[in-house]
Structures are given as structure tokens and as C-alpha cells.
Amino acid sequence: MRIALIIALTILTSSFLSAQTKQDSILAIITNDIDSMPEGFAISIALLNNDSTTFVGFSKSNTILTQVTNKDSLFEIGSITKVFTSTVLAHHIISHKIKPNTPINKVFPFKFNNKTKLTYLSLSNHTSGMHRLPSNILPLLYKNPTNPYKDYSYELLDNYLKEDLQLINKAQYSYSNLGAGVLAYALAKKNKTSFETLLKATVLDKYKMSSTSYNFNVSYFGIGADNNKTENWQMNSLIGAGGLISNTNDLSTFIHAQFDTENKELALTRKETFSINDNFSIGLGWHIFDSNTKNEKFWHNGGTGGYTSSISFRTTNNTGVIILSNISPLHKNSSKIDELCFKLLELLK
């Protein structure tokens, strides 16, 4: 009895020390990686391991990093919005309302320039050949570089599709904000509603993401490349490409849902649709490293004028990392966000 008790206590102590060591290691990695961030910097992190979630947050004031509780703090998530746009598409495919290789053209009341045809799938996985941005947005970029999409109206987008649409690198992977924006526009037109309404009905309500919206105010001001405050972005007609505001609490619910083996919609967003190279491919919305191996991981990041975000997760062991921050992707330290995301995911193995 005594021997058994000693063994049990040894195992328990060992397990506790192992967990504590991992926690200390995680905190050390985080603080080391963000120590050089500028004044006013804030970061919210969610670490997912099976059914559990650990939230970690820091802010920097007077050159001092302070651990804070900010799982409910709101940040711009940038291009991670594209994953949600693709999830709306997946909903329509699973519901047999859309076939992925169907051209979107039939939902528009006009012909595209050069009789160009674009499919739902190619817009979702960046193989449509569309430019990264429409050519007629350039004057707006020069006019308002701190909020470049704000005045890009649906009228301007229609004019581009009718008069200026040109394709490059068709049937190859070529990342396109324009393509994701047009995808959301087509889905909204097909359903005769706004994309905001459609997204809420098919995704946000389903996963109880009440703190995710295009219309909320952020909790921290954005920090630009020059360490000054930035203007928040409004995406106007290209909201399918970016513009969502969320927090790690909401996003952790969405990533936990990815671990549900019976969720066909989310599984479809992760199913490989195009191989970019030997180790990198894309599903509908998620980018995939080491597809169909035990190390397979899904990833997307985002960046706006003053915010950088990154999400990566594995369904092979139900682990994931979500990072939201208020630093511009043009800032010299912004690459640390993706790097930290991948480092932490490896620690959760």
C-alpha cells in the first residue's frame, strides 16, 4: 500500500512538474519574442489542447510587459476573414446549393470583361488568376493609404468586373484579396442579401461567435510601421477579404469546432484543393503544411494597417494556437507573430 502510494505520488508530482515546466517554457518563449515590441503593444493568445483552452495576454506600457486578461479584447483579424468567407462557401456546397466549379457569372446582371469566367472554387483557393487588387483601386490607395479600402464601393467593383478585369497566372496559386472579395460578393448576390447577414446566419451564429463582426470597435489602437497609431480599416465592397473584428475567445470556439470529425462543412474548408509545392497546399480557405502526414497543420494569418494575427492548428492531435496583436504587418517586428504561433504549436505536441 505504501509502495503504491509512493509510486502514485511520484507520477503525480512528475506530471505536475512537467505541466509547470511546459507552462513556464511557453511564457518564457512569449515574453522573449515580444520583448522588443513598441510602446502600446498588446497581444492575446489562445492555446488549444483537445477540449481545453488556455488564454495568455500581455500589454506593454512604460517599456514594461504586463500579463493581462484580454481574451475578450477585440482586434482586427485581417485576412483570417477569408477563412470565414470560405466557410460560407463550404456551407453552400454541403447543402447542395452550389457546386464548387460552377462559374459565379450567372449571379451577376452583366458580363465580365473579356467574357471571363470565374468559379467559386478558384476564388476561394486563389487559383482564379485574379490580381491581388483591382486596378481601379490604385487612386484610392494614394488618396487614403491609412484606410485604403474605405471608398472602394460596389459600383467601382462592378465597373472593374465589367471593364477592366484581367487574369494572370490562371490555374496557379496567386494570393488575391480581390478574389476573396468577389467570392463574398457572389455569395451575397446568390442569396439576395448582404454578406454580413449571410455570414452571421451561416457561421457566426452557428458557432456562437457573438463578439465577431465587421462593426465592432477594437479594444486597442493599431500600431503602424513607424510606431504611431493607425486608422482602423473599413473594407467596403471587399469585406470577404478582410475587415472582421474578433477576439481569441470567439476564435477558440471556431477552432475547437475544427476538431469535430463529424463537421463536414469545416472539414471541407481543410480538404486539399491545390498543391502549391511539396510541403504546402491549400484547401478552400486554410493553407496546409505537410498535407496528409502526422505533422499536417492548417494555417492562416492576417494583417491590416495596425494589426497582425495568426492561427495554426492540427486535427491529428487537436491542438491549436491563436494570436491577435495590434502591430502592423509592415512593422519590423511583425514577423514574430507567425513565428511565435508556430513555436507554440510545436510545444503543444
Protein backbone atom coordinates (compact mmCIF):
# COMPACT_ATOMS: atom_id res chain seq x y z
CA MET A 1 0.00 0.00 0.00
CA ARG A 2 2.79 2.39 0.92
CA ILE A 3 4.77 1.49 -2.22
CA ALA A 4 1.73 2.05 -4.38
CA LEU A 5 1.14 5.42 -2.72
CA ILE A 6 4.75 6.47 -3.28
CA ILE A 7 4.51 5.45 -6.94
CA ALA A 8 1.25 7.37 -7.33
CA LEU A 9 2.72 10.47 -5.68
CA THR A 10 5.82 10.22 -7.87
CA ILE A 11 3.71 10.05 -11.03
CA LEU A 12 1.51 12.91 -9.86
CA THR A 13 4.50 15.08 -8.95
CA SER A 14 6.22 14.27 -12.22
CA SER A 15 3.09 15.14 -14.17
CA PHE A 16 2.67 18.40 -12.25
CA LEU A 17 6.29 19.39 -12.78
CA SER A 18 6.03 18.52 -16.47
CA ALA A 19 2.93 20.71 -16.86
CA GLN A 20 4.51 23.54 -14.86
CA THR A 21 7.73 23.29 -16.86
CA LYS A 22 5.79 23.48 -20.12
CA GLN A 23 3.80 26.47 -18.86
CA ASP A 24 6.98 28.26 -17.78
CA SER A 25 8.57 27.44 -21.12
CA ILE A 26 5.58 28.84 -23.00
CA LEU A 27 5.60 32.08 -21.01
CA ALA A 28 9.36 32.42 -21.47
CA ILE A 29 9.05 31.98 -25.25
CA ILE A 30 6.24 34.51 -25.48
CA THR A 31 7.92 37.20 -23.40
CA ASN A 32 11.25 36.70 -25.15
CA ASP A 33 9.65 37.05 -28.59
CA ILE A 34 7.58 40.14 -27.79
CA ASP A 35 10.00 41.98 -25.52
CA SER A 36 11.16 44.22 -28.38
CA MET A 37 7.63 45.28 -29.33
CA PRO A 38 6.84 49.01 -29.19
CA GLU A 39 5.01 51.00 -26.54
CA GLY A 40 1.26 50.32 -26.51
CA PHE A 41 1.68 46.82 -27.93
CA ALA A 42 -0.92 44.24 -26.90
CA ILE A 43 -1.21 40.55 -27.67
CA SER A 44 -3.92 37.98 -26.96
CA ILE A 45 -3.11 34.29 -27.28
CA ALA A 46 -5.24 31.15 -27.04
CA LEU A 47 -3.61 27.73 -26.66
CA LEU A 48 -5.93 24.84 -27.53
CA ASN A 49 -5.35 21.29 -26.41
CA ASN A 50 -8.23 18.89 -27.00
CA ASP A 51 -11.20 20.31 -25.07
CA SER A 52 -9.23 22.83 -23.02
CA THR A 53 -8.16 26.38 -23.81
CA THR A 54 -5.54 28.46 -22.03
CA PHE A 55 -5.59 32.21 -22.62
CA VAL A 56 -2.47 34.34 -22.27
CA GLY A 57 -2.29 38.10 -22.75
CA PHE A 58 0.30 40.85 -22.46
CA SER A 59 0.43 44.60 -22.92
CA LYS A 60 3.38 46.96 -22.95
CA SER A 61 3.38 50.27 -21.12
CA ASN A 62 6.31 52.40 -19.96
CA THR A 63 8.63 49.80 -21.53
CA ILE A 64 7.25 47.10 -19.20
CA LEU A 65 5.40 43.98 -20.34
CA THR A 66 2.47 43.17 -18.09
CA GLN A 67 0.43 39.98 -18.19
CA VAL A 68 -3.23 40.87 -18.72
CA THR A 69 -6.55 39.08 -19.18
CA ASN A 70 -7.66 40.04 -22.67
CA LYS A 71 -9.37 37.00 -24.18
CA ASP A 72 -12.41 39.21 -24.82
CA SER A 73 -10.42 42.13 -26.23
CA LEU A 74 -11.22 42.93 -29.85
CA PHE A 75 -8.68 43.14 -32.66
CA GLU A 76 -8.84 43.44 -36.45
CA ILE A 77 -8.10 39.93 -37.77
CA GLY A 78 -7.34 40.92 -41.37
CA SER A 79 -7.14 38.11 -43.90
CA ILE A 80 -8.23 35.44 -41.42
CA THR A 81 -11.61 36.79 -42.56
CA LYS A 82 -11.02 34.81 -45.78
CA VAL A 83 -11.39 31.55 -43.83
CA PHE A 84 -14.87 32.64 -42.80
CA THR A 85 -15.75 33.59 -46.38
CA SER A 86 -14.68 30.11 -47.48
CA THR A 87 -16.69 28.56 -44.65
CA VAL A 88 -19.80 30.27 -46.03
CA LEU A 89 -18.97 28.70 -49.40
CA ALA A 90 -18.49 25.29 -47.76
CA HIS A 91 -21.94 25.63 -46.18
CA HIS A 92 -23.44 26.12 -49.64
CA ILE A 93 -21.52 23.20 -51.13
CA ILE A 94 -22.50 20.78 -48.36
CA SER A 95 -26.11 22.00 -48.64
CA HIS A 96 -26.00 21.26 -52.40
CA LYS A 97 -26.78 24.88 -53.22
CA ILE A 98 -23.51 25.44 -55.09
CA LYS A 99 -21.12 23.20 -57.00
CA PRO A 100 -17.55 24.38 -56.43
CA ASN A 101 -16.60 24.55 -60.12
CA THR A 102 -19.73 26.49 -61.09
CA PRO A 103 -18.96 29.95 -62.56
CA ILE A 104 -20.12 32.83 -60.40
CA ASN A 105 -21.03 34.82 -63.53
CA LYS A 106 -24.67 33.76 -63.58
CA VAL A 107 -25.49 35.68 -60.37
CA PHE A 108 -24.31 38.97 -61.89
CA PRO A 109 -26.57 41.01 -64.20
CA PHE A 110 -23.69 41.88 -66.54
CA LYS A 111 -20.90 40.14 -68.45
CA PHE A 112 -17.37 40.24 -67.13
CA ASN A 113 -14.64 41.88 -69.20
CA ASN A 114 -13.32 39.60 -72.00
CA LYS A 115 -16.16 37.17 -71.15
CA THR A 116 -14.01 35.95 -68.26
CA LYS A 117 -15.46 33.11 -66.22
CA LEU A 118 -14.63 32.72 -62.53
CA THR A 119 -15.57 29.72 -60.38
CA TYR A 120 -16.39 29.68 -56.68
CA LEU A 121 -13.56 27.23 -56.01
CA SER A 122 -10.88 29.21 -57.86
CA LEU A 123 -11.77 32.38 -55.95
CA SER A 124 -11.63 30.53 -52.65
CA ASN A 125 -8.26 28.82 -53.18
CA HIS A 126 -6.56 31.67 -55.02
CA THR A 127 -6.25 29.91 -58.39
CA SER A 128 -8.58 32.22 -60.35
CA GLY A 129 -5.74 34.26 -61.80
CA MET A 130 -7.18 37.49 -60.44
CA HIS A 131 -4.77 40.26 -59.48
CA ARG A 132 -4.15 40.84 -55.80
CA LEU A 133 -6.11 44.11 -56.02
CA PRO A 134 -8.33 45.69 -58.70
CA SER A 135 -6.58 48.24 -60.90
CA ASN A 136 -9.17 50.95 -60.25
CA ILE A 137 -8.44 50.95 -56.52
CA LEU A 138 -4.99 52.49 -57.07
CA PRO A 139 -6.16 56.14 -56.93
CA LEU A 140 -7.80 55.40 -53.57
CA LEU A 141 -4.61 53.82 -52.23
CA TYR A 142 -2.74 57.02 -52.99
CA LYS A 143 -5.57 59.20 -51.71
CA ASN A 144 -6.03 57.40 -48.39
CA PRO A 145 -3.16 54.98 -47.69
CA THR A 146 -4.11 54.69 -44.00
CA ASN A 147 -7.56 53.28 -44.84
CA PRO A 148 -7.12 52.13 -48.46
CA TYR A 149 -10.32 50.10 -48.99
CA LYS A 150 -12.72 52.52 -47.33
CA ASP A 151 -14.02 54.20 -50.50
CA TYR A 152 -13.87 51.19 -52.81
CA SER A 153 -17.60 50.88 -53.46
CA TYR A 154 -19.64 48.11 -55.06
CA GLU A 155 -20.13 50.46 -58.00
CA LEU A 156 -16.37 50.62 -58.51
CA LEU A 157 -16.10 46.84 -58.16
CA ASP A 158 -18.86 46.35 -60.76
CA ASN A 159 -17.07 48.72 -63.13
CA TYR A 160 -13.85 46.77 -62.68
CA LEU A 161 -15.51 43.43 -63.41
CA LYS A 162 -17.27 44.85 -66.48
CA GLU A 163 -14.47 46.93 -67.96
CA ASP A 164 -11.03 46.18 -66.50
CA LEU A 165 -10.94 42.56 -65.31
CA GLN A 166 -7.74 40.84 -66.40
CA LEU A 167 -6.32 37.49 -65.30
CA ILE A 168 -2.73 36.50 -64.58
CA ASN A 169 -1.26 33.10 -63.69
CA LYS A 170 -4.59 31.35 -64.25
CA ALA A 171 -4.84 27.89 -62.63
CA GLN A 172 -1.82 28.69 -60.48
CA TYR A 173 -1.76 29.78 -56.85
CA SER A 174 -1.74 33.59 -56.73
CA TYR A 175 -2.99 35.13 -53.49
CA SER A 176 -5.77 37.63 -54.16
CA ASN A 177 -7.67 39.96 -51.86
CA LEU A 178 -9.77 40.85 -54.87
CA GLY A 179 -10.71 37.21 -55.45
CA ALA A 180 -11.90 36.71 -51.88
CA GLY A 181 -13.86 39.95 -52.07
CA VAL A 182 -15.56 38.89 -55.30
CA LEU A 183 -16.35 35.48 -53.80
CA ALA A 184 -18.22 37.08 -50.90
CA TYR A 185 -19.96 39.44 -53.31
CA ALA A 186 -21.14 36.50 -55.44
CA LEU A 187 -22.37 34.53 -52.40
CA ALA A 188 -24.33 37.54 -51.21
CA LYS A 189 -25.86 38.10 -54.65
CA LYS A 190 -26.85 34.45 -54.91
CA ASN A 191 -28.68 34.72 -51.59
CA LYS A 192 -30.04 38.21 -52.33
CA THR A 193 -28.74 39.61 -49.05
CA SER A 194 -25.67 41.35 -47.65
CA PHE A 195 -22.58 39.29 -46.96
CA GLU A 196 -22.63 40.42 -43.33
CA THR A 197 -26.12 38.97 -42.92
CA LEU A 198 -25.16 35.77 -44.72
CA LEU A 199 -22.00 35.26 -42.66
CA LYS A 200 -23.88 35.76 -39.41
CA ALA A 201 -26.63 33.30 -40.36
CA THR A 202 -24.40 30.51 -41.68
CA VAL A 203 -21.28 30.72 -39.50
CA LEU A 204 -21.17 33.23 -36.64
CA ASP A 205 -24.49 32.25 -35.08
CA LYS A 206 -23.77 28.55 -35.57
CA TYR A 207 -20.54 28.75 -33.58
CA LYS A 208 -21.88 31.28 -31.07
CA MET A 209 -19.38 33.93 -32.14
CA SER A 210 -21.28 36.92 -30.81
CA SER A 211 -18.12 39.01 -30.46
CA THR A 212 -17.15 38.73 -34.14
CA SER A 213 -18.41 41.39 -36.52
CA TYR A 214 -17.48 43.97 -39.12
CA ASN A 215 -18.94 46.74 -36.98
CA PHE A 216 -17.38 46.48 -33.51
CA ASN A 217 -14.84 48.88 -32.04
CA VAL A 218 -11.39 47.45 -31.34
CA SER A 219 -10.01 47.33 -27.79
CA TYR A 220 -6.51 48.56 -28.66
CA PHE A 221 -5.37 51.15 -31.18
CA GLY A 222 -3.30 49.82 -34.05
CA ILE A 223 0.44 50.45 -34.21
CA GLY A 224 1.95 51.32 -37.60
CA ALA A 225 5.40 50.66 -39.04
CA ASP A 226 6.56 53.96 -37.55
CA ASN A 227 5.22 53.06 -34.05
CA ASN A 228 2.45 55.65 -34.38
CA LYS A 229 -1.28 55.00 -34.02
CA THR A 230 -3.05 53.84 -37.17
CA GLU A 231 -6.52 54.31 -38.58
CA ASN A 232 -8.84 51.30 -38.44
CA TRP A 233 -9.76 49.77 -41.80
CA GLN A 234 -13.17 49.52 -43.46
CA MET A 235 -13.19 47.06 -46.36
CA ASN A 236 -16.38 48.25 -48.09
CA SER A 237 -17.02 46.03 -51.17
CA LEU A 238 -14.05 43.74 -50.41
CA ILE A 239 -15.22 42.61 -46.98
CA GLY A 240 -14.82 38.97 -47.98
CA ALA A 241 -11.05 39.55 -47.97
CA GLY A 242 -10.77 41.19 -44.55
CA GLY A 243 -12.41 43.52 -42.10
CA LEU A 244 -13.68 41.21 -39.38
CA ILE A 245 -13.06 42.15 -35.76
CA SER A 246 -12.90 39.36 -33.20
CA ASN A 247 -11.23 38.07 -30.05
CA THR A 248 -9.39 34.91 -29.04
CA ASN A 249 -12.40 33.71 -27.06
CA ASP A 250 -14.63 33.59 -30.14
CA LEU A 251 -11.91 32.26 -32.41
CA SER A 252 -11.05 29.44 -29.99
CA THR A 253 -14.66 28.25 -30.25
CA PHE A 254 -14.32 28.19 -34.03
CA ILE A 255 -11.01 26.29 -33.94
CA HIS A 256 -12.30 23.77 -31.38
CA ALA A 257 -15.11 23.07 -33.87
CA GLN A 258 -12.43 22.11 -36.41
CA PHE A 259 -11.63 19.12 -34.18
CA ASP A 260 -15.16 17.72 -34.60
CA THR A 261 -14.74 14.81 -37.00
CA GLU A 262 -18.43 14.93 -37.91
CA ASN A 263 -18.41 18.56 -39.03
CA LYS A 264 -18.46 18.20 -42.82
CA GLU A 265 -18.51 21.92 -43.59
CA LEU A 266 -15.33 22.68 -41.68
CA ALA A 267 -13.66 19.51 -42.96
CA LEU A 268 -14.33 20.74 -46.49
CA THR A 269 -12.51 24.03 -45.85
CA ARG A 270 -9.45 21.99 -44.86
CA LYS A 271 -9.59 19.48 -47.73
CA GLU A 272 -6.67 19.99 -50.11
CA THR A 273 -7.78 21.56 -53.41
CA PHE A 274 -4.46 22.72 -54.86
CA SER A 275 -0.82 21.76 -54.25
CA ILE A 276 1.47 24.80 -54.15
CA ASN A 277 4.66 22.81 -53.59
CA ASP A 278 5.76 19.53 -51.99
CA ASN A 279 5.07 20.74 -48.43
CA PHE A 280 2.48 23.46 -48.90
CA SER A 281 -1.05 23.36 -50.26
CA ILE A 282 -4.44 24.99 -49.80
CA GLY A 283 -7.96 23.79 -49.06
CA LEU A 284 -10.89 26.11 -49.58
CA GLY A 285 -9.66 28.67 -47.08
CA TRP A 286 -6.91 27.15 -44.92
CA HIS A 287 -3.31 26.81 -46.04
CA ILE A 288 -1.87 23.38 -45.28
CA PHE A 289 1.65 22.32 -44.34
CA ASP A 290 2.71 18.66 -44.67
CA SER A 291 -0.67 17.54 -46.01
CA ASN A 292 -1.84 14.04 -45.12
CA THR A 293 1.00 13.36 -42.68
CA LYS A 294 1.06 13.18 -38.89
CA ASN A 295 2.62 16.67 -38.89
CA GLU A 296 -0.16 18.20 -41.00
CA LYS A 297 -1.08 21.67 -39.79
CA PHE A 298 -3.51 24.30 -41.02
CA TRP A 299 -2.71 27.99 -41.04
CA HIS A 300 -3.83 31.45 -41.98
CA ASN A 301 -2.67 34.85 -40.92
CA GLY A 302 -3.90 38.39 -41.32
CA GLY A 303 -2.69 41.94 -41.43
CA THR A 304 -4.28 45.38 -41.65
CA GLY A 305 -2.87 48.87 -41.14
CA GLY A 306 -2.12 48.30 -37.45
CA TYR A 307 -2.88 44.65 -36.65
CA THR A 308 -1.24 41.26 -37.27
CA SER A 309 -2.84 37.91 -36.50
CA SER A 310 -2.01 34.23 -36.94
CA ILE A 311 -3.82 30.93 -36.41
CA SER A 312 -2.39 27.43 -36.77
CA PHE A 313 -3.78 24.10 -35.62
CA ARG A 314 -3.59 20.34 -36.03
CA THR A 315 -6.53 17.95 -36.21
CA THR A 316 -4.19 14.97 -35.81
CA ASN A 317 -3.78 15.80 -32.11
CA ASN A 318 -6.41 18.53 -31.60
CA THR A 319 -4.03 21.35 -30.75
CA GLY A 320 -4.05 24.95 -31.91
CA VAL A 321 -2.70 28.45 -31.37
CA ILE A 322 -4.47 31.74 -32.00
CA ILE A 323 -2.60 35.06 -31.79
CA LEU A 324 -4.09 38.52 -32.19
CA SER A 325 -1.95 41.65 -31.89
CA ASN A 326 -2.09 45.37 -32.59
CA ILE A 327 1.06 45.76 -34.68
CA SER A 328 1.21 46.50 -38.40
CA PRO A 329 2.43 43.75 -40.76
CA LEU A 330 4.79 46.43 -42.10
CA HIS A 331 6.44 46.85 -38.70
CA LYS A 332 9.96 45.41 -38.46
CA ASN A 333 8.86 43.08 -35.63
CA SER A 334 5.62 41.80 -37.15
CA SER A 335 7.16 38.54 -38.42
CA LYS A 336 7.49 37.48 -34.79
CA ILE A 337 3.72 36.86 -34.67
CA ASP A 338 3.73 33.99 -37.19
CA GLU A 339 7.00 32.67 -35.77
CA LEU A 340 5.56 32.63 -32.25
CA CYS A 341 2.40 30.92 -33.46
CA PHE A 342 4.35 28.04 -34.97
CA LYS A 343 6.73 27.76 -32.00
CA LEU A 344 3.85 27.45 -29.56
CA LEU A 345 2.03 24.90 -31.71
CA GLU A 346 5.11 22.67 -31.64
CA LEU A 347 5.20 22.88 -27.84
CA LEU A 348 1.63 21.56 -27.69
CA LYS A 349 2.57 18.26 -29.39
